[in-house]
Amino acid sequence: MAPEFAIVTDEPGWHGARLRESFAALGANARYVSLQECRFDITDHGHDHAYNHSQGLRLPGFDSKLPAGVFVRGVPGGSLEQVVLYLDVLHALQEMDVLVYNNARAIERSVDKAMTSFLLHRASLPTPPTWVSANYEQAAMVIRREVAAGHELVIKPVFGSQGIGLQRIRSLDQVNDPEFYNGVYYLQRFIDTGEGEWHDWRVFVVRGRAIAGMRRNGVDWISNVANGGRCQAAVLDEEMSRLAVDAADVVNMNYAGVDLLRDQQGKLWVTEVNSIPAWKGLQGACNLNIADILVKDFLDCLGEQTAMDTAG
């Protein structure tokens, strides 16, 4: 009987369909699982072998058994309590030696921009100067000082993606009410790639390899595809590949989408490390079946984990 895997997502869409096709092509079954439908049932079921195998964690479609492995394609938003519960499910799976790709710890580190910036800086990787505070006066002091020194800033939501909520700040007057930022000011020095020549790079990393990259040319300073950015395949030089791989490694990811900027002096900066990156635009630009690469690596990772467990 073919092993059954879980693709964690609430909106499978194009990416989910490609992943299922890739699993099927390698002789494996994969079903979509919503974290919103997972639950803990922590009760004593005596000698119920099927129940005890799942150790109190229930995933829809898997009854009282566990998947052979879990590919995380999406984690839904919600209240703090809801998001903690969703991540608890992923943590619990890993506690029961189920491969979770990417695991909950990596997702927590990357979704939280403050922690990502801290880890990149601690590893001496070039990331823009960043200040994070829940105190308005502290944030205001940074803005005044940076503006006086001739710098612009970008204020970002700590949790966010696709360029939503980004603001380019040239004065303190542009800062909104604290509720707009959920009470936390994440400030990062603006890296200028050239007026009218806005662009960045997305490098896709799979377990220590930069497999593909694209340049995103923006209609304004936010170059994301969701904001109208145009994608074109990029030839990655050694410095870009190494920097992207190191950034993914710092956050301990199986796979990642790493965003890079090169300033007008030629220096590269890491601005984002995404643990649940989209790849439709990248695949179109590079003519590469990224789902096949991901699923093959996922299965290789599972084989390595199984071999280690057996040897242990």
Protein backbone atom coordinates (compact mmCIF):
# COMPACT_ATOMS: atom_id res chain seq x y z
CA MET A 1 0.00 0.00 0.00
CA ALA A 2 1.39 3.40 -1.01
CA PRO A 3 2.24 5.74 1.87
CA GLU A 4 -0.12 8.62 2.49
CA PHE A 5 1.16 12.13 2.97
CA ALA A 6 -0.50 15.36 4.06
CA ILE A 7 -0.25 18.66 2.22
CA VAL A 8 -1.15 21.26 4.84
CA THR A 9 -3.15 24.03 3.21
CA ASP A 10 -6.55 25.70 3.37
CA GLU A 11 -6.47 26.89 -0.23
CA PRO A 12 -4.73 24.25 -2.40
CA GLY A 13 -5.09 26.19 -5.67
CA TRP A 14 -2.40 25.92 -8.32
CA HIS A 15 0.42 25.08 -5.89
CA GLY A 16 -1.51 22.33 -4.12
CA ALA A 17 -2.49 20.75 -7.43
CA ARG A 18 1.13 20.73 -8.63
CA LEU A 19 2.31 19.12 -5.40
CA ARG A 20 -0.31 16.35 -5.57
CA GLU A 21 0.65 15.64 -9.18
CA SER A 22 4.30 15.38 -8.19
CA PHE A 23 3.54 13.01 -5.31
CA ALA A 24 1.41 10.84 -7.61
CA ALA A 25 4.15 10.75 -10.25
CA LEU A 26 6.46 9.22 -7.62
CA GLY A 27 3.88 6.65 -6.53
CA ALA A 28 2.73 8.41 -3.36
CA ASN A 29 -0.73 9.55 -2.26
CA ALA A 30 -1.17 13.01 -0.80
CA ARG A 31 -4.29 14.57 0.64
CA TYR A 32 -4.99 18.17 1.62
CA VAL A 33 -5.30 18.86 5.33
CA SER A 34 -6.57 22.08 6.86
CA LEU A 35 -5.03 22.97 10.20
CA GLN A 36 -8.37 24.53 11.10
CA GLU A 37 -9.88 21.03 11.08
CA CYS A 38 -7.14 19.35 13.12
CA ARG A 39 -7.69 18.77 16.82
CA PHE A 40 -6.28 17.24 19.96
CA ASP A 41 -8.26 14.46 21.68
CA ILE A 42 -6.21 13.78 24.78
CA THR A 43 -8.11 11.04 26.59
CA ASP A 44 -7.35 7.51 27.78
CA HIS A 45 -8.50 4.96 25.21
CA GLY A 46 -6.93 2.01 26.96
CA HIS A 47 -5.84 -0.68 24.51
CA ASP A 48 -7.22 1.04 21.39
CA HIS A 49 -4.12 0.50 19.22
CA ALA A 50 -5.30 2.74 16.36
CA TYR A 51 -6.04 5.61 18.75
CA ASN A 52 -2.78 5.21 20.65
CA HIS A 53 -0.83 5.35 17.39
CA SER A 54 -2.01 8.93 16.85
CA GLN A 55 -1.33 9.76 20.54
CA GLY A 56 -4.27 12.13 20.81
CA LEU A 57 -3.75 14.14 17.61
CA ARG A 58 -6.48 13.94 14.96
CA LEU A 59 -5.99 14.97 11.33
CA PRO A 60 -9.00 14.92 8.98
CA GLY A 61 -8.81 12.06 6.48
CA PHE A 62 -6.30 10.09 8.52
CA ASP A 63 -8.74 8.72 11.13
CA SER A 64 -6.61 7.43 14.01
CA LYS A 65 -3.36 7.08 12.10
CA LEU A 66 -0.69 9.57 11.22
CA PRO A 67 0.53 10.65 7.79
CA ALA A 68 3.88 9.32 6.62
CA GLY A 69 5.04 12.91 6.29
CA VAL A 70 3.66 16.46 6.14
CA PHE A 71 4.41 19.10 3.50
CA VAL A 72 3.44 22.54 4.83
CA ARG A 73 2.04 24.71 2.05
CA GLY A 74 0.01 27.13 4.17
CA VAL A 75 -0.78 28.14 7.75
CA PRO A 76 -4.03 30.11 8.17
CA GLY A 77 -4.22 33.39 10.02
CA GLY A 78 -6.44 34.04 13.01
CA SER A 79 -6.26 35.10 16.63
CA LEU A 80 -3.05 34.51 18.56
CA GLU A 81 -4.66 31.49 20.21
CA GLN A 82 -5.73 30.01 16.88
CA VAL A 83 -2.32 30.43 15.25
CA VAL A 84 -0.62 28.92 18.31
CA LEU A 85 -2.97 25.91 18.05
CA TYR A 86 -2.20 25.46 14.34
CA LEU A 87 1.52 25.52 15.08
CA ASP A 88 0.99 23.19 18.04
CA VAL A 89 -0.33 20.60 15.58
CA LEU A 90 2.88 20.84 13.54
CA HIS A 91 5.01 20.72 16.70
CA ALA A 92 3.11 17.64 17.90
CA LEU A 93 3.65 15.84 14.59
CA GLN A 94 7.38 16.45 14.84
CA GLU A 95 7.36 15.24 18.45
CA MET A 96 5.93 11.96 17.10
CA ASP A 97 8.78 11.72 14.56
CA VAL A 98 6.64 12.67 11.57
CA LEU A 99 8.62 14.64 8.99
CA VAL A 100 7.26 18.21 8.83
CA TYR A 101 8.64 20.16 5.85
CA ASN A 102 9.11 23.12 6.79
CA ASN A 103 8.69 22.53 10.50
CA ALA A 104 6.84 24.76 12.93
CA ARG A 105 10.00 26.31 14.41
CA ALA A 106 11.23 27.44 11.00
CA ILE A 107 7.80 28.89 10.20
CA GLU A 108 7.67 30.75 13.51
CA ARG A 109 11.11 32.25 12.91
CA SER A 110 10.36 33.43 9.39
CA VAL A 111 6.80 34.67 9.83
CA ASP A 112 8.08 36.94 12.61
CA LYS A 113 10.15 39.54 10.74
CA ALA A 114 11.75 40.76 13.96
CA MET A 115 13.18 37.33 14.73
CA THR A 116 14.29 36.82 11.11
CA SER A 117 16.18 40.13 11.17
CA PHE A 118 17.75 39.27 14.53
CA LEU A 119 18.93 35.85 13.33
CA LEU A 120 20.35 37.22 10.08
CA HIS A 121 22.23 39.96 11.93
CA ARG A 122 23.49 37.53 14.57
CA ALA A 123 24.88 35.32 11.80
CA SER A 124 26.65 38.37 10.28
CA LEU A 125 24.59 38.18 7.10
CA PRO A 126 23.95 41.56 5.45
CA THR A 127 20.44 42.69 6.30
CA PRO A 128 19.32 46.35 6.37
CA PRO A 129 19.61 48.21 9.71
CA THR A 130 16.39 47.41 11.57
CA TRP A 131 14.66 48.65 14.72
CA VAL A 132 11.65 46.94 16.36
CA SER A 133 9.78 48.34 19.33
CA ALA A 134 6.31 48.53 20.84
CA ASN A 135 7.15 51.98 22.22
CA TYR A 136 6.15 54.96 20.06
CA GLU A 137 8.78 57.30 21.54
CA GLN A 138 11.55 54.85 20.77
CA ALA A 139 10.28 54.45 17.20
CA ALA A 140 9.96 58.22 16.80
CA MET A 141 13.53 58.73 18.00
CA VAL A 142 14.81 56.28 15.35
CA ILE A 143 12.79 57.97 12.60
CA ARG A 144 14.01 61.45 13.51
CA ARG A 145 17.62 60.31 13.70
CA GLU A 146 17.50 58.38 10.40
CA VAL A 147 15.75 61.18 8.52
CA ALA A 148 18.24 63.72 9.88
CA ALA A 149 21.05 61.50 8.57
CA GLY A 150 19.48 61.51 5.10
CA HIS A 151 17.96 58.03 5.22
CA GLU A 152 14.46 56.87 4.40
CA LEU A 153 12.77 54.04 6.28
CA VAL A 154 10.30 51.30 5.47
CA ILE A 155 7.77 50.40 8.13
CA LYS A 156 6.40 46.86 7.83
CA PRO A 157 3.87 44.71 9.68
CA VAL A 158 5.78 42.16 11.77
CA PHE A 159 3.48 39.49 10.36
CA GLY A 160 2.76 40.03 6.67
CA SER A 161 3.53 39.04 3.10
CA GLN A 162 3.18 40.08 -0.56
CA GLY A 163 4.14 43.67 0.23
CA ILE A 164 0.86 44.34 2.06
CA GLY A 165 1.07 47.14 4.62
CA LEU A 166 4.55 48.39 3.66
CA GLN A 167 5.11 52.15 3.96
CA ARG A 168 8.06 54.25 2.86
CA ILE A 169 8.72 56.83 5.56
CA ARG A 170 10.41 60.19 4.94
CA SER A 171 9.11 61.96 8.07
CA LEU A 172 7.50 61.19 11.40
CA ASP A 173 4.23 62.70 10.15
CA GLN A 174 3.75 59.71 7.84
CA VAL A 175 3.50 57.24 10.73
CA ASN A 176 -0.05 56.05 11.34
CA ASP A 177 -1.87 55.33 14.58
CA PRO A 178 -0.20 52.44 16.47
CA GLU A 179 -3.25 50.20 15.96
CA PHE A 180 -2.44 50.26 12.24
CA TYR A 181 0.76 48.36 13.06
CA ASN A 182 -0.83 46.17 15.76
CA GLY A 183 1.15 48.09 18.35
CA VAL A 184 4.61 47.13 17.04
CA TYR A 185 6.87 49.37 14.97
CA TYR A 186 9.15 47.40 12.65
CA LEU A 187 11.43 49.93 10.97
CA GLN A 188 14.03 49.08 8.35
CA ARG A 189 16.36 51.41 6.46
CA PHE A 190 15.22 51.80 2.84
CA ILE A 191 17.62 50.26 0.34
CA ASP A 192 17.52 52.23 -2.89
CA THR A 193 18.01 50.16 -6.04
CA GLY A 194 17.58 53.20 -8.28
CA GLU A 195 14.63 55.52 -8.92
CA GLY A 196 12.54 54.09 -11.75
CA GLU A 197 14.69 50.93 -11.75
CA TRP A 198 13.08 49.25 -8.77
CA HIS A 199 13.84 45.56 -8.58
CA ASP A 200 14.80 42.71 -6.30
CA TRP A 201 15.64 39.04 -6.60
CA ARG A 202 13.79 35.99 -5.34
CA VAL A 203 16.08 33.00 -4.88
CA PHE A 204 14.48 29.61 -4.29
CA VAL A 205 16.51 27.41 -1.96
CA VAL A 206 15.96 23.69 -1.40
CA ARG A 207 18.04 22.10 1.35
CA GLY A 208 21.27 23.90 0.80
CA ARG A 209 20.94 24.50 -2.95
CA ALA A 210 19.86 27.65 -4.75
CA ILE A 211 17.87 25.91 -7.49
CA ALA A 212 16.51 28.96 -9.32
CA GLY A 213 16.20 32.71 -9.17
CA MET A 214 14.28 35.50 -10.79
CA ARG A 215 14.52 39.24 -10.95
CA ARG A 216 11.31 41.11 -10.14
CA ASN A 217 11.02 44.50 -11.81
CA GLY A 218 8.56 46.69 -9.92
CA VAL A 219 6.13 49.34 -11.07
CA ASP A 220 7.19 51.15 -7.89
CA TRP A 221 9.58 50.49 -5.00
CA ILE A 222 7.59 47.38 -3.94
CA SER A 223 8.64 44.78 -6.51
CA ASN A 224 6.37 41.89 -5.44
CA VAL A 225 4.46 40.05 -8.16
CA ALA A 226 1.26 40.70 -6.16
CA ASN A 227 2.02 44.42 -6.57
CA GLY A 228 2.44 44.19 -10.35
CA GLY A 229 6.11 43.22 -10.50
CA ARG A 230 7.30 41.54 -13.71
CA CYS A 231 9.39 38.39 -13.42
CA GLN A 232 12.33 37.30 -15.51
CA ALA A 233 14.74 34.43 -15.02
CA ALA A 234 18.01 35.44 -13.41
CA VAL A 235 21.46 33.91 -13.63
CA LEU A 236 22.58 33.72 -10.02
CA ASP A 237 26.19 34.55 -9.31
CA GLU A 238 28.08 32.74 -6.58
CA GLU A 239 27.60 35.53 -4.05
CA MET A 240 23.81 35.60 -4.49
CA SER A 241 23.51 31.82 -4.28
CA ARG A 242 25.71 31.59 -1.20
CA LEU A 243 23.91 34.41 0.58
CA ALA A 244 20.47 32.91 -0.11
CA VAL A 245 21.57 29.45 1.07
CA ASP A 246 23.12 30.89 4.24
CA ALA A 247 19.96 32.88 4.99
CA ALA A 248 17.75 29.79 4.64
CA ASP A 249 20.17 27.83 6.82
CA VAL A 250 20.10 30.44 9.59
CA VAL A 251 16.32 30.03 9.86
CA ASN A 252 16.72 26.23 9.54
CA MET A 253 14.42 25.72 6.54
CA ASN A 254 14.08 22.76 4.20
CA TYR A 255 12.96 25.11 1.46
CA ALA A 256 12.73 28.88 1.29
CA GLY A 257 12.17 31.88 -0.91
CA VAL A 258 14.90 34.40 -0.10
CA ASP A 259 14.54 38.02 -1.22
CA LEU A 260 17.68 39.98 -2.04
CA LEU A 261 18.34 43.62 -2.92
CA ARG A 262 21.47 45.12 -4.44
CA ASP A 263 21.99 48.78 -3.61
CA GLN A 264 23.44 51.37 -5.97
CA GLN A 265 26.92 50.73 -4.56
CA GLY A 266 26.65 47.04 -5.51
CA LYS A 267 26.16 45.58 -2.03
CA LEU A 268 23.71 42.69 -1.58
CA TRP A 269 21.19 42.66 1.28
CA VAL A 270 18.80 39.97 2.55
CA THR A 271 15.36 41.50 3.14
CA GLU A 272 13.06 38.48 3.59
CA VAL A 273 13.25 34.72 4.18
CA ASN A 274 9.93 33.09 3.33
CA SER A 275 9.10 29.64 4.73
CA ILE A 276 5.98 29.12 2.60
CA PRO A 277 7.02 30.74 -0.68
CA ALA A 278 4.93 30.73 -3.83
CA TRP A 279 6.71 29.63 -7.00
CA LYS A 280 4.24 30.04 -9.85
CA GLY A 281 5.93 33.19 -11.18
CA LEU A 282 9.38 31.68 -10.71
CA GLN A 283 8.43 28.47 -12.50
CA GLY A 284 7.01 30.43 -15.42
CA ALA A 285 10.18 32.48 -15.68
CA CYS A 286 12.63 29.59 -15.31
CA ASN A 287 10.75 26.77 -17.08
CA LEU A 288 11.47 24.47 -14.16
CA ASN A 289 9.08 22.05 -12.41
CA ILE A 290 9.66 23.22 -8.87
CA ALA A 291 6.99 20.98 -7.33
CA ASP A 292 8.84 17.91 -8.65
CA ILE A 293 12.09 19.15 -7.09
CA LEU A 294 10.37 19.84 -3.76
CA VAL A 295 8.55 16.51 -3.55
CA LYS A 296 11.66 14.54 -4.49
CA ASP A 297 13.65 16.35 -1.81
CA PHE A 298 10.82 15.83 0.69
CA LEU A 299 10.94 12.06 0.03
CA ASP A 300 14.74 12.06 0.20
CA CYS A 301 14.53 13.84 3.54
CA LEU A 302 12.02 11.26 4.77
CA GLY A 303 14.35 8.45 3.70
CA GLU A 304 17.27 10.03 5.54
CA GLN A 305 15.16 10.48 8.69
CA THR A 306 13.98 6.87 8.52
CA ALA A 307 17.57 5.63 8.09
CA MET A 308 18.69 7.66 11.11
CA ASP A 309 15.80 6.32 13.22
CA THR A 310 16.68 2.76 12.20
CA ALA A 311 20.37 3.26 12.96
CA GLY A 312 19.49 4.81 16.31
